[in-house]
Amino acid sequence: TGNSTLYAHWNLNTYSIGYNLNGGSISGQPTSYNVNTATFTLPAPTRAGYSFTGWTGSNGTTAQKNASIAKNSTGNKSYTANWSLNTYTISYTLNGGNISGQKTSYNVTTDAFTLPVPTRNGYAFTGWTGTGLSSATKTVTVAKGSTGNRSYTANWSANGYTISFNYNKPTTDGAIGNAGTTSKAVIFDSAYGTLPAPTLNGYAFAGWYTAATNGTKVSDTTKYTTTGNSTLYAHWNLNTYSIG
């Protein structure tokens, strides 16, 4: 009996936030909010081999990397992650070698591939070193789904060859002295090392050459640059004597 007051009561609405990550991953994302929730920005998702280009959905059709929900907003929200495919580079240090058919880029969708084997005159390939390798490896395969720029270095071992000595004796009755050495081992791109010093009665030894006549003269310090075994030929100068 008398005047009175009625009081409105309220239930705070809670709104949901949904995420379509399109293959990505996310952590720390809010899944609900209400009008009292302070303004917040959606965390950025990640996806191996891709760069995040932004959210679309309740924020519109233009991808935004820093999509936020302001305080006092209402309504359920949904967001879709958008991505661009990363391209990674592959670089090679060949250390004097040659290569063909090598890939210079890839992405996470590229099928598994194996690095081609390089070549180098006078050398044997001992393997690649570089990204993800703890030691020289001859067969290197990049698996599908791999990520990151890569660099590889070719490693080599100089080949060993045999040189034979042809004493190239001129027509004479004399015997060649110090002719016991018939061959020796050499390493490609290294010095010949000590060479025999033969003697022949009536002749002066002119040196070792790459051909029986003419050819190129070599010495102990000359580098061996022939890819394979070879023969050195002794050249002689006929002595002329005076009669007084």
Protein backbone atom coordinates (compact mmCIF):
# COMPACT_ATOMS: atom_id res chain seq x y z
CA THR A 1 0.00 0.00 0.00
CA GLY A 2 1.89 3.04 -1.25
CA ASN A 3 4.41 4.12 -3.92
CA SER A 4 7.30 1.73 -4.80
CA THR A 5 10.29 1.24 -7.11
CA LEU A 6 11.10 -1.63 -9.45
CA TYR A 7 14.72 -2.45 -10.28
CA ALA A 8 15.95 -3.83 -13.59
CA HIS A 9 18.33 -6.80 -13.31
CA TRP A 10 20.84 -7.68 -16.04
CA ASN A 11 22.73 -10.75 -17.17
CA LEU A 12 26.10 -9.94 -18.77
CA ASN A 13 26.25 -11.45 -22.26
CA THR A 14 29.31 -13.49 -23.16
CA TYR A 15 30.23 -13.63 -26.86
CA SER A 16 32.32 -16.30 -28.56
CA ILE A 17 35.40 -15.82 -30.77
CA GLY A 18 36.07 -18.50 -33.40
CA TYR A 19 39.27 -19.02 -35.41
CA ASN A 20 39.87 -20.69 -38.77
CA LEU A 21 43.66 -21.11 -38.83
CA ASN A 22 43.99 -22.66 -42.34
CA GLY A 23 46.76 -25.01 -41.23
CA GLY A 24 48.39 -22.63 -38.77
CA SER A 25 48.87 -22.72 -35.01
CA ILE A 26 48.08 -20.15 -32.34
CA SER A 27 48.49 -19.72 -28.60
CA GLY A 28 47.13 -17.29 -26.02
CA GLN A 29 44.02 -16.51 -28.08
CA PRO A 30 40.83 -15.42 -26.24
CA THR A 31 37.79 -17.49 -27.12
CA SER A 32 35.17 -15.22 -25.52
CA TYR A 33 34.63 -11.65 -24.34
CA ASN A 34 31.96 -9.28 -23.03
CA VAL A 35 31.32 -5.54 -23.11
CA ASN A 36 33.47 -5.04 -20.03
CA THR A 37 36.52 -6.76 -21.55
CA ALA A 38 39.37 -4.31 -22.17
CA THR A 39 40.36 -3.74 -25.80
CA PHE A 40 42.64 -6.54 -27.00
CA THR A 41 44.48 -7.55 -30.19
CA LEU A 42 44.31 -11.06 -31.62
CA PRO A 43 47.65 -12.90 -31.37
CA ALA A 44 49.47 -13.69 -34.62
CA PRO A 45 49.36 -17.37 -35.66
CA THR A 46 52.27 -19.26 -37.21
CA ARG A 47 52.53 -21.82 -39.99
CA ALA A 48 55.70 -23.58 -41.15
CA GLY A 49 56.75 -22.34 -44.56
CA TYR A 50 54.24 -19.49 -44.67
CA SER A 51 54.05 -15.83 -43.66
CA PHE A 52 50.94 -14.57 -41.87
CA THR A 53 49.29 -11.84 -43.95
CA GLY A 54 46.42 -11.01 -41.58
CA TRP A 55 42.94 -11.81 -40.27
CA THR A 56 39.70 -11.52 -42.21
CA GLY A 57 36.17 -12.17 -40.97
CA SER A 58 34.40 -10.07 -38.36
CA ASN A 59 36.96 -7.32 -39.04
CA GLY A 60 36.14 -7.23 -42.77
CA THR A 61 37.44 -8.70 -46.03
CA THR A 62 40.79 -6.89 -46.01
CA ALA A 63 43.43 -8.90 -44.16
CA GLN A 64 44.68 -7.16 -41.02
CA LYS A 65 47.71 -8.37 -39.06
CA ASN A 66 46.67 -6.42 -35.94
CA ALA A 67 42.94 -7.11 -35.70
CA SER A 68 41.51 -5.97 -32.37
CA ILE A 69 38.21 -6.08 -30.46
CA ALA A 70 37.42 -2.82 -28.68
CA LYS A 71 35.89 -2.57 -25.23
CA ASN A 72 32.07 -2.35 -25.38
CA SER A 73 31.95 -4.44 -28.58
CA THR A 74 29.16 -7.00 -28.88
CA GLY A 75 28.32 -10.09 -30.88
CA ASN A 76 30.02 -13.38 -31.65
CA LYS A 77 33.16 -12.99 -33.76
CA SER A 78 34.94 -15.26 -36.21
CA TYR A 79 38.31 -14.79 -37.88
CA THR A 80 40.21 -16.55 -40.66
CA ALA A 81 44.02 -16.59 -40.89
CA ASN A 82 45.48 -15.70 -44.30
CA TRP A 83 48.91 -16.84 -45.49
CA SER A 84 51.50 -16.34 -48.25
CA LEU A 85 53.82 -19.17 -49.26
CA ASN A 86 57.49 -18.53 -48.41
CA THR A 87 60.20 -19.15 -51.02
CA TYR A 88 63.64 -20.10 -49.70
CA THR A 89 66.99 -19.79 -51.51
CA ILE A 90 69.69 -22.43 -52.00
CA SER A 91 73.24 -21.19 -52.61
CA TYR A 92 76.33 -23.21 -53.59
CA THR A 93 80.05 -22.65 -53.06
CA LEU A 94 81.71 -24.97 -55.57
CA ASN A 95 85.40 -24.30 -54.75
CA GLY A 96 86.47 -24.57 -58.39
CA GLY A 97 83.97 -27.24 -59.39
CA ASN A 98 81.04 -27.24 -61.80
CA ILE A 99 77.42 -28.27 -61.36
CA SER A 100 74.26 -28.51 -63.44
CA GLY A 101 70.59 -29.08 -62.72
CA GLN A 102 70.76 -27.64 -59.21
CA LYS A 103 67.75 -26.04 -57.56
CA THR A 104 68.26 -22.48 -56.38
CA SER A 105 64.95 -22.12 -54.50
CA TYR A 106 62.17 -24.21 -52.94
CA ASN A 107 59.15 -24.03 -50.63
CA VAL A 108 57.33 -26.35 -48.23
CA THR A 109 55.24 -27.82 -51.05
CA THR A 110 58.27 -28.75 -53.19
CA ASP A 111 58.73 -32.52 -53.52
CA ALA A 112 61.85 -33.99 -51.89
CA PHE A 113 64.96 -33.52 -54.04
CA THR A 114 68.64 -34.48 -53.89
CA LEU A 115 71.49 -32.08 -54.62
CA PRO A 116 73.31 -32.98 -57.85
CA VAL A 117 76.95 -34.10 -57.67
CA PRO A 118 79.45 -31.46 -58.82
CA THR A 119 82.61 -32.23 -60.79
CA ARG A 120 86.12 -30.76 -60.84
CA ASN A 121 89.02 -31.74 -63.07
CA GLY A 122 91.66 -33.64 -61.13
CA TYR A 123 89.59 -33.94 -57.98
CA ALA A 124 87.18 -36.38 -56.36
CA PHE A 125 84.04 -34.98 -54.73
CA THR A 126 84.04 -35.86 -51.02
CA GLY A 127 80.67 -34.35 -50.11
CA TRP A 128 78.65 -31.28 -49.21
CA THR A 129 78.95 -29.34 -45.99
CA GLY A 130 76.56 -26.61 -44.90
CA THR A 131 72.99 -26.33 -43.71
CA GLY A 132 72.05 -29.14 -41.35
CA LEU A 133 75.22 -31.17 -42.04
CA SER A 134 77.80 -32.07 -39.39
CA SER A 135 80.32 -33.49 -41.85
CA ALA A 136 80.90 -33.79 -45.60
CA THR A 137 77.98 -35.75 -47.09
CA LYS A 138 77.87 -36.96 -50.69
CA THR A 139 74.10 -37.47 -50.89
CA VAL A 140 72.08 -34.56 -49.52
CA THR A 141 68.28 -34.65 -49.78
CA VAL A 142 65.97 -31.77 -48.91
CA ALA A 143 62.71 -33.29 -47.68
CA LYS A 144 59.29 -32.00 -48.63
CA GLY A 145 58.08 -29.65 -45.92
CA SER A 146 61.57 -28.26 -45.17
CA THR A 147 61.97 -24.55 -44.49
CA GLY A 148 64.69 -21.90 -44.42
CA ASN A 149 67.40 -20.60 -46.74
CA ARG A 150 70.17 -23.10 -47.38
CA SER A 151 73.84 -22.93 -48.36
CA TYR A 152 76.16 -25.76 -49.31
CA THR A 153 79.90 -26.00 -49.95
CA ALA A 154 81.52 -28.63 -52.20
CA ASN A 155 84.51 -30.44 -50.71
CA TRP A 156 87.23 -32.10 -52.78
CA SER A 157 90.17 -34.45 -52.57
CA ALA A 158 92.96 -34.13 -55.14
CA ASN A 159 93.37 -37.28 -57.25
CA GLY A 160 96.59 -39.27 -57.22
CA TYR A 161 98.23 -40.28 -60.52
CA THR A 162 101.32 -42.13 -61.70
CA ILE A 163 104.02 -40.65 -63.91
CA SER A 164 106.32 -42.99 -65.81
CA PHE A 165 109.88 -42.06 -66.84
CA ASN A 166 111.03 -42.71 -70.39
CA TYR A 167 114.78 -42.17 -70.49
CA ASN A 168 114.51 -41.63 -74.24
CA LYS A 169 118.00 -42.92 -74.91
CA PRO A 170 119.67 -41.60 -78.05
CA THR A 171 121.38 -44.06 -80.36
CA THR A 172 124.62 -44.78 -78.51
CA ASP A 173 126.49 -47.68 -77.02
CA GLY A 174 126.59 -46.05 -73.59
CA ALA A 175 124.34 -47.00 -70.69
CA ILE A 176 122.16 -44.48 -68.88
CA GLY A 177 123.20 -43.98 -65.28
CA ASN A 178 120.78 -43.41 -62.39
CA ALA A 179 118.00 -44.98 -64.45
CA GLY A 180 116.55 -47.13 -61.72
CA THR A 181 113.42 -45.05 -61.22
CA THR A 182 110.68 -46.03 -63.65
CA SER A 183 107.68 -44.27 -62.10
CA LYS A 184 106.44 -42.25 -59.14
CA ALA A 185 103.16 -41.17 -57.59
CA VAL A 186 102.00 -37.57 -57.85
CA ILE A 187 99.04 -35.59 -56.56
CA PHE A 188 97.04 -33.40 -58.91
CA ASP A 189 97.77 -29.68 -58.54
CA SER A 190 100.82 -30.42 -56.36
CA ALA A 191 104.48 -30.24 -57.28
CA TYR A 192 106.08 -33.16 -59.13
CA GLY A 193 108.64 -33.45 -56.37
CA THR A 194 112.08 -34.96 -56.81
CA LEU A 195 112.73 -36.21 -60.35
CA PRO A 196 115.53 -38.57 -61.45
CA ALA A 197 118.78 -37.00 -62.68
CA PRO A 198 120.13 -39.51 -65.24
CA THR A 199 123.53 -39.47 -66.92
CA LEU A 200 124.70 -40.73 -70.29
CA ASN A 201 128.24 -40.86 -71.58
CA GLY A 202 128.73 -38.20 -74.26
CA TYR A 203 125.47 -36.36 -73.52
CA ALA A 204 124.26 -33.69 -71.12
CA PHE A 205 120.90 -34.27 -69.52
CA ALA A 206 118.58 -31.41 -70.64
CA GLY A 207 115.67 -32.18 -68.33
CA TRP A 208 112.30 -33.91 -68.28
CA TYR A 209 109.66 -33.05 -70.87
CA THR A 210 106.06 -33.98 -71.54
CA ALA A 211 106.85 -35.36 -75.00
CA ALA A 212 109.69 -37.33 -76.59
CA THR A 213 110.45 -34.35 -78.84
CA ASN A 214 109.55 -30.78 -78.03
CA GLY A 215 106.90 -30.82 -75.27
CA THR A 216 106.94 -28.75 -72.07
CA LYS A 217 109.83 -28.94 -69.64
CA VAL A 218 108.94 -29.75 -66.03
CA SER A 219 110.94 -29.53 -62.82
CA ASP A 220 110.65 -30.61 -59.21
CA THR A 221 108.50 -27.56 -58.42
CA THR A 222 106.20 -27.74 -61.46
CA LYS A 223 102.57 -28.46 -60.53
CA TYR A 224 101.03 -31.60 -61.93
CA THR A 225 97.92 -30.56 -63.89
CA THR A 226 97.21 -33.60 -66.07
CA THR A 227 93.98 -35.43 -65.25
CA GLY A 228 95.31 -38.95 -65.52
CA ASN A 229 98.54 -40.89 -65.60
CA SER A 230 101.30 -39.57 -67.85
CA THR A 231 104.87 -40.08 -69.04
CA LEU A 232 107.88 -37.80 -68.80
CA TYR A 233 110.65 -38.04 -71.38
CA ALA A 234 114.34 -37.35 -70.83
CA HIS A 235 115.89 -34.94 -73.33
CA TRP A 236 119.59 -34.97 -74.09
CA ASN A 237 122.13 -32.58 -75.56
CA LEU A 238 125.01 -34.13 -77.43
CA ASN A 239 128.32 -32.99 -76.00
CA THR A 240 130.88 -31.55 -78.40
CA TYR A 241 134.55 -31.79 -77.39
CA SER A 242 137.46 -29.70 -78.60
CA ILE A 243 140.74 -31.05 -79.85
CA GLY A 244 143.67 -28.78 -79.07
